[in-house]
């Protein structure tokens, strides 16, 4: 599978989410105090991402 979400713990002990395509990180989230919050972030991205508008600030 080329696309995946990763949950990892940073040096400060916070949980973060990365979205990767192959080995490249496409984006990562802010830090969360619990793994449950990181999982909620993934659910929110999956639910709301497909309909999110694109804002061109170029």
Protein backbone atom coordinates (compact mmCIF):
# COMPACT_ATOMS: atom_id res chain seq x y z
CA UNK A 1 0.00 0.00 0.00
CA UNK A 2 1.56 3.27 -1.11
CA UNK A 3 -0.51 5.63 1.09
CA UNK A 4 -0.59 5.36 4.85
CA UNK A 5 -1.04 7.23 8.11
CA UNK A 6 1.65 6.81 10.76
CA UNK A 7 1.30 7.66 14.43
CA UNK A 8 4.58 8.40 16.16
CA UNK A 9 5.77 9.91 19.42
CA UNK A 10 8.03 12.96 19.21
CA UNK A 11 10.88 13.90 21.56
CA UNK A 12 8.47 15.87 23.75
CA UNK A 13 6.33 12.74 24.24
CA UNK A 14 3.43 13.97 22.10
CA UNK A 15 1.68 11.81 19.52
CA UNK A 16 1.80 13.04 15.94
CA UNK A 17 0.32 11.79 12.69
CA UNK A 18 2.14 11.65 9.37
CA UNK A 19 0.51 10.93 6.04
CA UNK A 20 2.97 9.27 3.71
CA UNK A 21 3.07 8.32 0.06
CA UNK A 22 5.69 5.61 -0.34
CA UNK A 23 8.58 6.95 1.77
CA UNK A 24 7.70 10.64 1.38
CA UNK A 25 5.88 12.52 4.14
CA UNK A 26 3.08 14.56 2.57
CA UNK A 27 2.01 16.23 5.82
CA UNK A 28 2.19 15.87 9.57
CA UNK A 29 -0.05 17.12 12.34
CA UNK A 30 0.41 19.07 15.53
CA UNK A 31 1.26 17.12 18.67
CA UNK A 32 -1.49 15.43 20.69
CA UNK A 33 -1.29 14.43 24.34
CA UNK A 34 -2.95 11.05 23.74
CA UNK A 35 -2.96 8.40 21.05
CA UNK A 36 -6.77 8.56 21.03
CA UNK A 37 -6.58 12.21 19.97
CA UNK A 38 -4.17 11.32 17.17
CA UNK A 39 -6.57 8.61 16.00
CA UNK A 40 -9.42 11.15 16.09
CA UNK A 41 -7.33 13.44 13.88
CA UNK A 42 -6.95 10.64 11.33
CA UNK A 43 -10.71 10.01 11.38
CA UNK A 44 -11.37 13.73 10.89
CA UNK A 45 -8.97 13.93 7.93
CA UNK A 46 -10.58 10.89 6.30
CA UNK A 47 -14.08 12.29 6.88
CA UNK A 48 -13.53 15.94 5.95
CA UNK A 49 -10.58 15.79 3.54
CA UNK A 50 -12.34 14.64 0.38
CA UNK A 51 -14.65 17.68 0.36
CA UNK A 52 -12.11 20.27 1.50
CA UNK A 53 -11.72 23.21 -0.87
CA UNK A 54 -8.38 24.15 -2.38
CA UNK A 55 -7.17 27.65 -1.52
CA UNK A 56 -4.66 29.05 -4.02
CA UNK A 57 -2.58 31.78 -2.36
CA UNK A 58 -0.05 32.12 -5.17
